[in-house]
Amino acid sequence: VRGPVTVPVGLTTVNGQLKVGSITQQVVVTENIPLLSTETGEQSTTLEAKSMSQLPNVNQDWENFTVLLPGAAGASSNTANSPANPGQAVSVNGNLPYNSVLADGASTTLPSSMNSDVSIFETVAELQISTSAFSAQYGVGGVIMNQISKGGTNQFHGAAYEYFENNFLNAANYGFGNQVPVPFLRYNNFGGSIGGPILKKKMFFYFNFDKIVQNTGSTNGFATLPTSAMMAGDFTGLPTIYDPTTQVITQTPNGPVVTRKSFAQEYGQGNKIPASMIDPVANAIQAYYPTVSNHPSTGKFVPGTVFSGVDLNNYYYSVPGPIPFTKYFGRLDYDITSGNRLTMSDTQRDNPAQYPYLFECPIDCEAGDVDSNNAQISDVWNISPSMINEARFGFTYQLNFFGDDSVGQGYPAKLGLQFSKGNIFPTVNINGQNCCQGIGPATNAVSKEMVFDPSDVVTMIRGKNILHFGGELLTYRDDTTPWGNINGATVDYSGVYTQSTVGDSSTGAGYADFLLGQTQSWNASVTPEAGARLKSPQVLVQDDIKLKPSFTLNVGQRY
């Protein structure tokens, strides 16, 4: 009797030494498997769900631990995660962060975004992360992350859990000299699981329900908004603004020179734009800006920092946004015979959300829904003591729908905006003299990614050889629009038209250009959904040759 023997993901060889004894004697070997593996040159780490749940962590995400792997580092090119917490885009041993995430052996890495929705602690029995010299059997990538799900047993077991966050446990953000409250936060992640037999010693099930309730997740920060005086055309205290309608071009030996009259010089009322010159479209657009007397309850005007006459960061907002997240996981194991097991697992996720911003909805507000699924069915057949066939089919999809709330609401007609190419609120970008916060719609986009993964691998043991051979047909489908595919009109204002002359950045103001309707640039586009398809047939062979008890040669090729 030798034990205990830990059986991780993959193949494990145990060399047991047997001594001649009498009939009544028993040989007990108590040593564990040595830390130095002589079976393969693969560098891998196996994390158990129990160990991961006991480590300091936020939520139930094993991706937080990838940076702890030997040789791991964050990838600065990855915009989804910070280098301090790269998640599944981790770079190991200097390799590019081109990684592959598997669920029960089936690929779940999406074709376009190259990310994967991962499983939670409560549904993962163990996670094997292979970082180098792994078998050709396990696909391609800088790192292979294989999530092995939990399954049912001959006895019923269950669990219940809750993770929570609360603003009473958080500190306030830096307030630029102002007292800023801690953003309101109520976060609850709860769920439960149950597993057991359907047919004793024959069929088993495991089910998990996981729910995140975050109705008070918030977007918060500071913005520089135009003052009521600026919205009325009064730029007193700011750099001098000039009337572009008075422009005169004078020819000089050094070329033509543009000169303009200031509004103060022209009308004698100071640094102000006459009300009759304010563009009606600009006046209609600026009506959607928060003001001191009319702003959302989620924001307030605060004393800002005055720089060159502009009150910077004069508005603070903390906007709650509901972000519920529901996950279901199920697994079924059926022993067709003592040597043939059928395993099916499925994870369904749904993440509808509302994304408001500092303006009153529907301006710059977005409704989103991310729906994803990972499913696989595997048949592992022990044909003989020396031959195993493992057939598998995996399917993964992620459907992303993001819709701006102003789409279809008739805003171009309401604003009097001509030449808009889409029925959506326009995007107004304002720069120059450190003011002001632009206004526009949220993002409208659709992304539908799918992965089909049929594969079959045969393992044969012949003397000193353990041979793996088989194939895989990865098929990718991507039906996607560009990010922000509906652009009715994007207009830019930088103050160049209210400068005294071309290039005099000490004068003029972007917001003054906006009020006058002097647009520096304009663009618009509506891009439809496009589809991409890719098939990647792959064949593999791997031979692990045990030349000596302490020396094994691994030879493999995946093409």
Protein backbone atom coordinates (compact mmCIF):
# COMPACT_ATOMS: atom_id res chain seq x y z
CA VAL A 1 0.00 0.00 0.00
CA ARG A 2 1.42 3.38 -0.97
CA GLY A 3 -0.28 6.60 0.01
CA PRO A 4 -1.42 9.21 0.07
CA VAL A 5 -0.82 9.81 -3.65
CA THR A 6 -2.02 13.13 -5.06
CA VAL A 7 -3.30 12.79 -8.64
CA PRO A 8 -3.13 16.18 -10.40
CA VAL A 9 -4.24 17.06 -13.93
CA GLY A 10 -2.32 15.02 -16.53
CA LEU A 11 -0.25 11.88 -16.26
CA THR A 12 1.60 10.90 -13.06
CA THR A 13 4.04 8.02 -12.79
CA VAL A 14 4.68 6.42 -9.39
CA ASN A 15 7.63 4.04 -9.07
CA GLY A 16 6.85 1.65 -6.26
CA GLN A 17 9.59 -0.57 -4.84
CA LEU A 18 8.36 -4.02 -3.87
CA LYS A 19 10.24 -6.22 -1.43
CA VAL A 20 9.75 -9.95 -0.95
CA GLY A 21 7.75 -10.54 2.24
CA SER A 22 5.78 -13.28 3.88
CA ILE A 23 2.08 -13.78 3.31
CA THR A 24 1.21 -11.86 6.47
CA GLN A 25 3.49 -8.89 5.74
CA GLN A 26 2.39 -5.58 4.20
CA VAL A 27 4.71 -3.09 2.49
CA VAL A 28 3.68 0.53 3.25
CA VAL A 29 5.38 3.38 1.35
CA THR A 30 4.63 6.73 2.99
CA GLU A 31 6.77 9.08 0.86
CA ASN A 32 4.98 11.57 -1.41
CA ILE A 33 5.90 11.99 -5.06
CA PRO A 34 9.24 13.84 -5.23
CA LEU A 35 9.19 17.53 -6.11
CA LEU A 36 11.58 16.97 -9.01
CA SER A 37 9.69 15.42 -11.91
CA THR A 38 11.66 13.05 -14.09
CA GLU A 39 8.72 12.33 -16.38
CA THR A 40 8.57 15.63 -18.28
CA GLY A 41 10.35 18.96 -18.66
CA GLU A 42 7.04 20.78 -18.38
CA GLN A 43 6.90 23.70 -15.96
CA SER A 44 3.43 23.88 -14.44
CA THR A 45 1.57 24.90 -11.32
CA THR A 46 -1.62 23.35 -9.99
CA LEU A 47 -3.90 25.48 -7.80
CA GLU A 48 -6.75 23.89 -5.86
CA ALA A 49 -10.00 25.77 -5.33
CA LYS A 50 -9.73 25.46 -1.56
CA SER A 51 -6.26 27.00 -1.53
CA MET A 52 -7.31 29.86 -3.83
CA SER A 53 -10.39 30.70 -1.76
CA GLN A 54 -8.24 31.03 1.36
CA LEU A 55 -5.75 33.44 -0.21
CA PRO A 56 -6.35 37.22 0.02
CA ASN A 57 -8.61 37.97 -2.91
CA VAL A 58 -11.42 40.17 -4.20
CA ASN A 59 -14.32 38.13 -5.56
CA GLN A 60 -13.97 34.56 -6.83
CA ASP A 61 -11.47 35.06 -9.61
CA TRP A 62 -8.36 32.87 -9.93
CA GLU A 63 -6.91 35.35 -12.47
CA ASN A 64 -5.73 37.48 -9.54
CA PHE A 65 -3.10 34.83 -8.76
CA THR A 66 -1.42 34.48 -12.17
CA VAL A 67 1.10 37.22 -11.37
CA LEU A 68 2.36 35.05 -8.49
CA LEU A 69 3.59 32.36 -10.88
CA PRO A 70 7.38 31.89 -11.16
CA GLY A 71 8.69 34.15 -13.95
CA ALA A 72 5.36 35.97 -14.33
CA ALA A 73 5.06 39.64 -15.17
CA GLY A 74 2.36 42.04 -16.27
CA ALA A 75 2.16 42.89 -19.95
CA SER A 76 2.23 46.66 -20.48
CA SER A 77 0.56 46.28 -23.87
CA ASN A 78 -2.53 44.77 -22.27
CA THR A 79 -5.11 47.52 -21.82
CA ALA A 80 -7.71 45.39 -20.08
CA ASN A 81 -5.66 44.76 -16.95
CA SER A 82 -2.89 46.61 -15.18
CA PRO A 83 0.67 45.20 -15.19
CA ALA A 84 0.29 44.57 -11.44
CA ASN A 85 -2.69 42.28 -12.08
CA PRO A 86 -2.51 41.02 -15.67
CA GLY A 87 -4.98 38.16 -15.20
CA GLN A 88 -5.12 35.72 -18.10
CA ALA A 89 -2.92 38.06 -20.21
CA VAL A 90 0.08 37.35 -17.97
CA SER A 91 3.51 37.15 -19.56
CA VAL A 92 5.69 34.29 -18.26
CA ASN A 93 9.42 33.80 -18.83
CA GLY A 94 9.55 36.78 -21.18
CA ASN A 95 7.02 35.32 -23.64
CA LEU A 96 4.31 37.39 -25.28
CA PRO A 97 0.95 37.20 -23.42
CA TYR A 98 -0.60 34.96 -26.06
CA ASN A 99 -2.29 32.46 -23.77
CA SER A 100 -4.95 29.79 -24.07
CA VAL A 101 -7.67 29.17 -21.48
CA LEU A 102 -9.33 25.74 -21.41
CA ALA A 103 -12.43 24.53 -19.59
CA ASP A 104 -12.33 20.78 -18.98
CA GLY A 105 -9.89 20.53 -21.90
CA ALA A 106 -11.92 22.58 -24.42
CA SER A 107 -10.66 25.94 -25.70
CA THR A 108 -12.58 29.00 -24.47
CA THR A 109 -10.29 31.78 -25.75
CA LEU A 110 -12.29 34.08 -28.00
CA PRO A 111 -11.06 34.82 -31.54
CA SER A 112 -11.12 38.63 -31.64
CA SER A 113 -10.85 39.94 -28.08
CA MET A 114 -8.51 37.05 -27.12
CA ASN A 115 -10.03 36.94 -23.64
CA SER A 116 -11.98 34.21 -21.88
CA ASP A 117 -14.73 34.16 -19.28
CA VAL A 118 -13.26 32.11 -16.45
CA SER A 119 -14.89 29.89 -13.85
CA ILE A 120 -15.33 30.78 -10.19
CA PHE A 121 -13.73 29.00 -7.22
CA GLU A 122 -16.90 27.11 -6.35
CA THR A 123 -17.01 25.34 -9.73
CA VAL A 124 -13.27 24.69 -10.18
CA ALA A 125 -11.74 21.59 -8.59
CA GLU A 126 -8.27 22.62 -9.66
CA LEU A 127 -6.47 24.85 -12.10
CA GLN A 128 -3.39 23.68 -13.97
CA ILE A 129 -1.20 26.44 -15.44
CA SER A 130 1.50 25.17 -17.81
CA THR A 131 4.10 27.79 -18.58
CA SER A 132 6.72 26.02 -20.71
CA ALA A 133 7.66 22.72 -22.40
CA PHE A 134 4.12 21.41 -22.11
CA SER A 135 2.88 18.49 -24.18
CA ALA A 136 1.74 19.00 -27.77
CA GLN A 137 -1.56 17.54 -26.55
CA TYR A 138 -2.52 20.80 -24.84
CA GLY A 139 -2.63 23.25 -27.72
CA VAL A 140 -0.65 26.39 -28.41
CA GLY A 141 0.06 29.58 -26.49
CA GLY A 142 2.58 31.13 -24.15
CA VAL A 143 0.67 29.74 -21.16
CA ILE A 144 -1.99 27.01 -21.04
CA MET A 145 -4.58 27.47 -18.28
CA ASN A 146 -6.76 24.39 -17.86
CA GLN A 147 -9.77 24.69 -15.54
CA ILE A 148 -10.97 21.31 -14.25
CA SER A 149 -14.52 21.56 -12.95
CA LYS A 150 -16.01 19.92 -9.88
CA GLY A 151 -18.26 16.91 -10.27
CA GLY A 152 -20.73 14.96 -8.21
CA THR A 153 -19.99 11.84 -6.15
CA ASN A 154 -21.89 8.93 -4.63
CA GLN A 155 -22.84 11.17 -1.69
CA PHE A 156 -24.75 14.43 -1.64
CA HIS A 157 -22.72 17.53 -0.79
CA GLY A 158 -23.56 21.21 -0.90
CA ALA A 159 -22.23 24.64 -0.01
CA ALA A 160 -23.45 28.23 0.42
CA TYR A 161 -21.35 31.40 0.42
CA GLU A 162 -21.38 35.18 0.28
CA TYR A 163 -18.71 37.80 -0.46
CA PHE A 164 -19.55 41.43 0.19
CA GLU A 165 -18.12 44.95 -0.11
CA ASN A 166 -19.44 48.11 1.53
CA ASN A 167 -18.46 51.78 1.35
CA PHE A 168 -18.16 51.83 5.15
CA LEU A 169 -15.02 49.74 4.65
CA ASN A 170 -13.53 52.07 2.01
CA ALA A 171 -11.55 55.30 2.09
CA ALA A 172 -12.41 58.52 0.26
CA ASN A 173 -10.74 59.57 -2.98
CA TYR A 174 -8.44 62.59 -3.14
CA GLY A 175 -10.62 65.70 -3.26
CA PHE A 176 -8.28 68.46 -4.56
CA GLY A 177 -8.76 70.36 -1.31
CA ASN A 178 -12.47 69.56 -1.07
CA GLN A 179 -14.12 67.08 1.25
CA VAL A 180 -15.29 64.25 -0.97
CA PRO A 181 -17.64 61.57 0.34
CA VAL A 182 -16.86 57.91 -0.09
CA PRO A 183 -18.77 56.63 -3.15
CA PHE A 184 -21.82 54.66 -2.11
CA LEU A 185 -21.19 50.93 -2.53
CA ARG A 186 -23.22 47.84 -1.81
CA TYR A 187 -21.74 44.70 -3.37
CA ASN A 188 -22.94 41.17 -2.67
CA ASN A 189 -21.75 37.99 -4.34
CA PHE A 190 -23.69 35.00 -3.08
CA GLY A 191 -24.56 31.54 -4.27
CA GLY A 192 -24.71 27.86 -3.54
CA SER A 193 -23.90 24.49 -4.99
CA ILE A 194 -25.11 20.92 -4.67
CA GLY A 195 -23.84 17.64 -6.05
CA GLY A 196 -24.60 13.97 -5.72
CA PRO A 197 -25.71 10.77 -7.42
CA ILE A 198 -28.54 10.36 -9.92
CA LEU A 199 -27.84 6.66 -10.28
CA LYS A 200 -25.62 5.18 -7.58
CA LYS A 201 -22.11 4.44 -8.86
CA LYS A 202 -23.30 5.27 -12.37
CA MET A 203 -24.44 8.86 -12.92
CA PHE A 204 -23.57 12.01 -10.94
CA PHE A 205 -24.44 15.69 -11.10
CA TYR A 206 -23.09 18.99 -9.80
CA PHE A 207 -24.86 22.37 -9.98
CA ASN A 208 -23.90 25.87 -8.89
CA PHE A 209 -25.80 29.17 -8.85
CA ASP A 210 -23.83 32.40 -8.44
CA LYS A 211 -25.26 35.92 -8.27
CA ILE A 212 -23.64 39.34 -7.99
CA VAL A 213 -25.89 42.19 -6.88
CA GLN A 214 -24.23 45.55 -7.34
CA ASN A 215 -27.04 48.04 -7.74
CA THR A 216 -24.87 50.74 -6.24
CA GLY A 217 -21.68 50.40 -8.23
CA SER A 218 -20.74 53.96 -9.11
CA THR A 219 -18.88 56.06 -11.65
CA ASN A 220 -17.34 59.01 -9.91
CA GLY A 221 -14.88 61.79 -10.57
CA PHE A 222 -14.39 65.48 -11.33
CA ALA A 223 -15.20 67.38 -14.52
CA THR A 224 -14.67 70.93 -15.75
CA LEU A 225 -18.04 72.27 -16.86
CA PRO A 226 -18.81 75.66 -18.42
CA THR A 227 -20.12 78.23 -15.99
CA SER A 228 -23.52 79.87 -16.43
CA ALA A 229 -21.71 83.05 -17.53
CA MET A 230 -19.79 81.20 -20.24
CA MET A 231 -22.98 79.55 -21.46
CA ALA A 232 -24.43 83.05 -21.87
CA GLY A 233 -21.36 84.15 -23.85
CA ASP A 234 -19.60 85.98 -21.01
CA PHE A 235 -15.88 85.15 -20.93
CA THR A 236 -14.88 87.82 -18.44
CA GLY A 237 -11.63 86.88 -16.69
CA LEU A 238 -10.65 84.44 -19.44
CA PRO A 239 -8.25 85.10 -22.34
CA THR A 240 -9.53 87.62 -24.86
CA ILE A 241 -11.81 86.24 -27.56
CA TYR A 242 -12.01 87.66 -31.07
CA ASP A 243 -14.81 87.84 -33.61
CA PRO A 244 -14.06 85.54 -36.59
CA THR A 245 -16.50 87.51 -38.79
CA THR A 246 -14.14 90.50 -38.66
CA GLN A 247 -11.24 88.54 -40.09
CA VAL A 248 -8.93 90.44 -42.42
CA ILE A 249 -6.08 88.90 -44.38
CA THR A 250 -3.14 91.23 -44.94
CA GLN A 251 -0.36 90.40 -47.36
CA THR A 252 3.13 90.90 -45.90
CA PRO A 253 6.65 90.11 -47.12
CA ASN A 254 6.52 87.01 -44.88
CA GLY A 255 3.18 85.88 -46.28
CA PRO A 256 -0.48 86.46 -45.48
CA VAL A 257 -1.39 87.41 -41.90
CA VAL A 258 -4.85 86.99 -40.35
CA THR A 259 -6.11 89.68 -37.95
CA ARG A 260 -9.42 89.91 -36.12
CA LYS A 261 -11.15 92.41 -33.85
CA SER A 262 -11.91 91.48 -30.25
CA PHE A 263 -15.52 91.46 -29.11
CA ALA A 264 -14.60 94.05 -26.49
CA GLN A 265 -13.17 96.35 -29.17
CA GLU A 266 -16.08 95.74 -31.54
CA TYR A 267 -19.05 96.06 -29.17
CA GLY A 268 -17.58 97.80 -26.13
CA GLN A 269 -19.25 95.34 -23.70
CA GLY A 270 -16.17 93.50 -22.50
CA ASN A 271 -15.07 89.96 -23.29
CA LYS A 272 -18.55 88.83 -24.27
CA ILE A 273 -20.32 87.31 -27.27
CA PRO A 274 -23.57 89.12 -28.15
CA ALA A 275 -26.61 86.91 -27.60
CA SER A 276 -27.63 87.39 -31.24
CA MET A 277 -24.44 85.68 -32.42
CA ILE A 278 -24.87 82.49 -30.37
CA ASP A 279 -25.55 79.61 -32.73
CA PRO A 280 -29.03 78.09 -32.14
CA VAL A 281 -27.72 74.51 -32.46
CA ALA A 282 -24.97 75.19 -29.91
CA ASN A 283 -27.52 76.84 -27.62
CA ALA A 284 -29.75 73.76 -27.86
CA ILE A 285 -26.85 71.39 -27.15
CA GLN A 286 -25.55 73.29 -24.13
CA ALA A 287 -29.01 73.08 -22.54
CA TYR A 288 -28.09 69.47 -21.66
CA TYR A 289 -25.11 70.56 -19.54
CA PRO A 290 -25.63 70.49 -15.74
CA THR A 291 -25.95 73.94 -14.22
CA VAL A 292 -25.90 75.21 -10.64
CA SER A 293 -29.70 75.45 -10.62
CA ASN A 294 -30.41 72.36 -12.72
CA HIS A 295 -28.19 69.31 -12.36
CA PRO A 296 -28.66 65.59 -11.60
CA SER A 297 -28.93 64.60 -7.95
CA THR A 298 -25.85 62.42 -8.48
CA GLY A 299 -23.56 65.44 -8.88
CA LYS A 300 -22.85 68.87 -7.48
CA PHE A 301 -20.77 71.95 -8.24
CA VAL A 302 -17.74 72.40 -5.99
CA PRO A 303 -15.02 75.05 -5.70
CA GLY A 304 -12.45 74.23 -8.34
CA THR A 305 -8.92 75.34 -9.03
CA VAL A 306 -8.76 78.58 -11.03
CA PHE A 307 -6.16 78.49 -13.79
CA SER A 308 -5.98 81.20 -16.51
CA GLY A 309 -9.47 82.27 -15.50
CA VAL A 310 -10.95 78.76 -15.86
CA ASP A 311 -12.52 77.02 -12.85
CA LEU A 312 -11.01 73.54 -13.23
CA ASN A 313 -12.66 70.43 -11.73
CA ASN A 314 -15.66 72.46 -10.62
CA TYR A 315 -18.14 69.55 -10.74
CA TYR A 316 -18.10 66.29 -8.75
CA TYR A 317 -20.26 63.32 -9.73
CA SER A 318 -20.90 59.92 -8.19
CA VAL A 319 -23.38 58.07 -10.37
CA PRO A 320 -24.76 54.70 -9.26
CA GLY A 321 -25.11 52.06 -11.94
CA PRO A 322 -26.71 48.62 -11.54
CA ILE A 323 -24.35 45.81 -12.57
CA PRO A 324 -26.03 42.46 -11.82
CA PHE A 325 -24.23 39.29 -12.85
CA THR A 326 -25.81 35.83 -12.84
CA LYS A 327 -23.96 32.55 -13.47
CA TYR A 328 -25.17 28.97 -13.70
CA PHE A 329 -22.92 25.92 -13.85
CA GLY A 330 -23.87 22.29 -14.31
CA ARG A 331 -21.93 19.09 -14.80
CA LEU A 332 -23.10 15.55 -15.49
CA ASP A 333 -20.90 12.43 -15.35
CA TYR A 334 -22.14 9.10 -16.67
CA ASP A 335 -20.17 5.88 -16.45
CA ILE A 336 -21.37 4.04 -19.56
CA THR A 337 -19.17 1.14 -18.54
CA SER A 338 -16.43 0.75 -15.96
CA GLY A 339 -13.95 1.89 -18.63
CA ASN A 340 -15.99 4.53 -20.45
CA ARG A 341 -17.08 7.85 -18.91
CA LEU A 342 -19.15 10.58 -20.53
CA THR A 343 -18.76 14.08 -19.04
CA MET A 344 -20.85 17.14 -19.90
CA SER A 345 -20.39 20.59 -18.38
CA ASP A 346 -21.98 23.94 -19.12
CA THR A 347 -21.53 27.47 -17.75
CA GLN A 348 -24.06 30.19 -18.57
CA ARG A 349 -23.45 33.84 -17.67
CA ASP A 350 -25.54 36.98 -18.09
CA ASN A 351 -24.34 40.47 -17.21
CA PRO A 352 -26.91 43.17 -18.05
CA ALA A 353 -25.96 46.64 -16.88
CA GLN A 354 -26.73 50.32 -17.15
CA TYR A 355 -23.81 52.72 -17.59
CA PRO A 356 -24.76 56.31 -16.71
CA TYR A 357 -22.36 59.25 -16.61
CA LEU A 358 -22.38 62.78 -15.28
CA PHE A 359 -25.15 63.98 -17.61
CA GLU A 360 -28.85 63.32 -17.18
CA CYS A 361 -29.85 60.21 -19.07
CA PRO A 362 -30.27 59.50 -21.93
CA ILE A 363 -27.26 61.73 -22.72
CA ASP A 364 -24.06 59.67 -22.52
CA CYS A 365 -25.95 56.75 -20.96
CA GLU A 366 -25.56 53.21 -22.18
CA ALA A 367 -27.38 49.94 -21.72
CA GLY A 368 -25.19 46.88 -22.02
CA ASP A 369 -25.60 43.13 -21.87
CA VAL A 370 -22.83 40.53 -21.98
CA ASP A 371 -24.15 37.00 -22.39
CA SER A 372 -21.69 34.10 -22.54
CA ASN A 373 -21.61 30.32 -22.45
CA ASN A 374 -18.96 27.60 -22.21
CA ALA A 375 -20.06 24.03 -22.90
CA GLN A 376 -18.23 20.79 -23.56
CA ILE A 377 -18.92 17.09 -23.83
CA SER A 378 -16.12 14.54 -23.42
CA ASP A 379 -15.97 10.80 -23.83
CA VAL A 380 -12.99 9.09 -22.19
CA TRP A 381 -12.79 5.41 -23.20
CA ASN A 382 -10.25 3.01 -21.68
CA ILE A 383 -10.12 0.68 -24.66
CA SER A 384 -7.53 -1.51 -22.97
CA PRO A 385 -5.07 -1.20 -20.08
CA SER A 386 -2.62 0.35 -22.54
CA MET A 387 -4.90 2.44 -24.77
CA ILE A 388 -7.21 5.39 -24.03
CA ASN A 389 -9.29 7.44 -26.47
CA GLU A 390 -10.45 10.93 -25.44
CA ALA A 391 -13.00 12.56 -27.74
CA ARG A 392 -14.30 16.05 -26.98
CA PHE A 393 -16.45 18.80 -28.45
CA GLY A 394 -16.40 22.29 -26.96
CA PHE A 395 -18.48 25.35 -27.77
CA THR A 396 -18.02 28.86 -26.41
CA TYR A 397 -19.78 32.09 -27.24
CA GLN A 398 -19.79 35.62 -25.89
CA LEU A 399 -22.47 38.05 -27.07
CA ASN A 400 -21.84 41.73 -26.29
CA PHE A 401 -24.58 44.28 -26.88
CA PHE A 402 -23.99 47.95 -26.04
CA GLY A 403 -26.59 50.53 -26.97
CA ASP A 404 -26.57 54.28 -26.46
CA ASP A 405 -29.83 55.45 -24.89
CA SER A 406 -30.18 58.40 -27.29
CA VAL A 407 -30.35 56.21 -30.41
CA GLY A 408 -33.68 56.61 -32.17
CA GLN A 409 -34.81 59.50 -29.96
CA GLY A 410 -34.76 62.14 -32.72
CA TYR A 411 -32.05 64.33 -31.20
CA PRO A 412 -30.67 65.70 -34.51
CA ALA A 413 -34.13 67.13 -35.30
CA LYS A 414 -34.61 68.40 -31.73
CA LEU A 415 -31.27 70.21 -31.86
CA GLY A 416 -31.70 71.52 -35.41
CA LEU A 417 -28.53 69.67 -36.42
CA GLN A 418 -28.23 69.21 -40.17
CA PHE A 419 -26.18 66.58 -41.99
CA SER A 420 -26.30 64.07 -39.11
CA LYS A 421 -25.73 60.57 -40.47
CA GLY A 422 -27.41 58.76 -37.58
CA ASN A 423 -30.40 59.25 -35.29
CA ILE A 424 -28.23 59.80 -32.21
CA PHE A 425 -27.02 62.68 -30.04
CA PRO A 426 -23.91 64.32 -31.59
CA THR A 427 -20.41 64.14 -30.11
CA VAL A 428 -19.08 67.58 -29.19
CA ASN A 429 -15.38 67.85 -28.28
CA ILE A 430 -14.25 71.13 -26.73
CA ASN A 431 -10.61 72.02 -26.08
CA GLY A 432 -8.54 75.13 -25.70
CA GLN A 433 -7.88 77.19 -22.56
CA ASN A 434 -8.42 74.08 -20.36
CA CYS A 435 -12.16 74.03 -20.91
CA CYS A 436 -14.50 72.21 -21.15
CA GLN A 437 -15.94 68.73 -20.68
CA GLY A 438 -17.33 67.53 -23.99
CA ILE A 439 -20.83 66.17 -24.39
CA GLY A 440 -22.11 63.34 -26.53
CA PRO A 441 -23.55 59.84 -26.69
CA ALA A 442 -22.25 56.67 -25.10
CA THR A 443 -20.85 53.85 -27.20
CA ASN A 444 -23.02 51.81 -29.51
CA ALA A 445 -21.55 48.45 -30.54
CA VAL A 446 -22.23 44.75 -31.06
CA SER A 447 -19.69 41.93 -30.74
CA LYS A 448 -20.58 38.24 -31.10
CA GLU A 449 -17.67 35.80 -30.79
CA MET A 450 -17.87 32.02 -31.00
CA VAL A 451 -15.45 29.08 -30.74
CA PHE A 452 -16.14 25.52 -31.94
CA ASP A 453 -13.58 22.98 -30.72
CA PRO A 454 -13.88 19.29 -31.75
CA SER A 455 -10.87 17.13 -30.89
CA ASP A 456 -9.76 13.55 -30.43
CA VAL A 457 -6.59 12.23 -28.77
CA VAL A 458 -5.45 8.62 -28.44
CA THR A 459 -2.97 7.62 -25.72
CA MET A 460 -1.03 4.38 -26.10
CA ILE A 461 1.48 2.78 -23.73
CA ARG A 462 4.04 0.58 -25.45
CA GLY A 463 6.92 -0.56 -23.25
CA LYS A 464 8.93 2.54 -22.37
CA ASN A 465 6.85 4.77 -24.63
CA ILE A 466 3.73 6.78 -23.81
CA LEU A 467 2.41 7.93 -27.16
CA HIS A 468 -0.26 10.61 -27.75
CA PHE A 469 -1.61 11.37 -31.20
CA GLY A 470 -4.73 13.01 -32.54
CA GLY A 471 -6.16 16.21 -33.97
CA GLU A 472 -8.24 19.30 -33.31
CA LEU A 473 -10.32 21.56 -35.57
CA LEU A 474 -10.62 25.00 -33.95
CA THR A 475 -13.27 27.06 -35.72
CA TYR A 476 -13.78 30.73 -34.93
CA ARG A 477 -16.68 33.03 -35.77
CA ASP A 478 -16.75 36.76 -35.12
CA ASP A 479 -19.71 39.03 -36.02
CA THR A 480 -18.79 42.50 -34.83
CA THR A 481 -19.30 46.21 -35.41
CA PRO A 482 -16.57 48.79 -34.75
CA TRP A 483 -16.58 50.23 -31.23
CA GLY A 484 -18.97 53.17 -31.62
CA ASN A 485 -20.38 52.19 -35.00
CA ILE A 486 -23.09 54.88 -35.02
CA ASN A 487 -21.50 58.31 -35.26
CA GLY A 488 -24.20 60.78 -36.27
CA ALA A 489 -21.80 63.71 -36.13
CA THR A 490 -18.57 64.44 -34.29
CA VAL A 491 -17.61 68.12 -34.14
CA ASP A 492 -14.46 69.61 -32.65
CA TYR A 493 -13.78 73.08 -31.23
CA SER A 494 -10.32 74.20 -30.08
CA GLY A 495 -10.52 78.02 -30.03
CA VAL A 496 -8.68 78.65 -33.32
CA TYR A 497 -11.50 80.80 -34.71
CA THR A 498 -11.63 83.17 -31.73
CA GLN A 499 -7.87 83.74 -31.56
CA SER A 500 -6.46 87.14 -32.53
CA THR A 501 -4.55 85.50 -35.36
CA VAL A 502 -3.59 82.05 -36.50
CA GLY A 503 -1.46 80.29 -33.89
CA ASP A 504 -2.00 82.77 -31.03
CA SER A 505 -2.98 80.24 -28.34
CA SER A 506 -2.87 82.91 -25.63
CA THR A 507 -6.20 84.17 -26.99
CA GLY A 508 -9.45 82.53 -27.96
CA ALA A 509 -11.46 79.75 -26.29
CA GLY A 510 -12.82 76.43 -27.51
CA TYR A 511 -16.17 77.07 -25.85
CA ALA A 512 -16.43 80.44 -27.61
CA ASP A 513 -15.89 78.69 -30.97
CA PHE A 514 -18.64 76.24 -29.99
CA LEU A 515 -21.14 79.01 -29.12
CA LEU A 516 -20.44 80.73 -32.43
CA GLY A 517 -20.87 77.50 -34.38
CA GLN A 518 -17.34 77.77 -35.75
CA THR A 519 -16.54 74.06 -36.17
CA GLN A 520 -12.91 73.14 -36.70
CA SER A 521 -13.57 69.57 -37.90
CA TRP A 522 -16.55 67.30 -38.55
CA ASN A 523 -16.94 63.61 -39.27
CA ALA A 524 -19.75 61.07 -39.27
CA SER A 525 -20.17 57.41 -40.08
CA VAL A 526 -22.48 54.44 -39.61
CA THR A 527 -20.65 51.11 -39.92
CA PRO A 528 -22.66 47.87 -40.20
CA GLU A 529 -21.85 44.54 -38.61
CA ALA A 530 -19.20 42.47 -40.37
CA GLY A 531 -18.44 38.77 -40.06
CA ALA A 532 -15.09 36.96 -39.96
CA ARG A 533 -14.48 33.22 -40.07
CA LEU A 534 -11.35 31.17 -39.37
CA LYS A 535 -10.69 27.42 -39.31
CA SER A 536 -7.52 26.10 -37.70
CA PRO A 537 -7.04 22.33 -38.27
CA GLN A 538 -4.28 20.89 -36.08
CA VAL A 539 -2.64 17.49 -35.77
CA LEU A 540 -0.35 16.37 -32.95
CA VAL A 541 1.96 13.60 -31.89
CA GLN A 542 3.80 13.31 -28.58
CA ASP A 543 6.09 10.52 -27.42
CA ASP A 544 7.36 10.35 -23.84
CA ILE A 545 10.18 7.79 -23.77
CA LYS A 546 11.33 6.56 -20.36
CA LEU A 547 14.95 5.70 -21.12
CA LYS A 548 15.87 5.26 -17.44
CA PRO A 549 13.93 5.46 -14.16
CA SER A 550 15.42 8.93 -13.66
CA PHE A 551 15.49 10.08 -17.29
CA THR A 552 12.57 10.61 -19.71
CA LEU A 553 12.79 12.05 -23.20
CA ASN A 554 9.78 14.14 -24.35
CA VAL A 555 9.39 14.52 -28.11
CA GLY A 556 6.32 16.19 -29.61
CA GLN A 557 5.01 18.18 -32.56
CA ARG A 558 1.78 20.09 -33.11
CA TYR A 559 1.08 21.35 -36.60
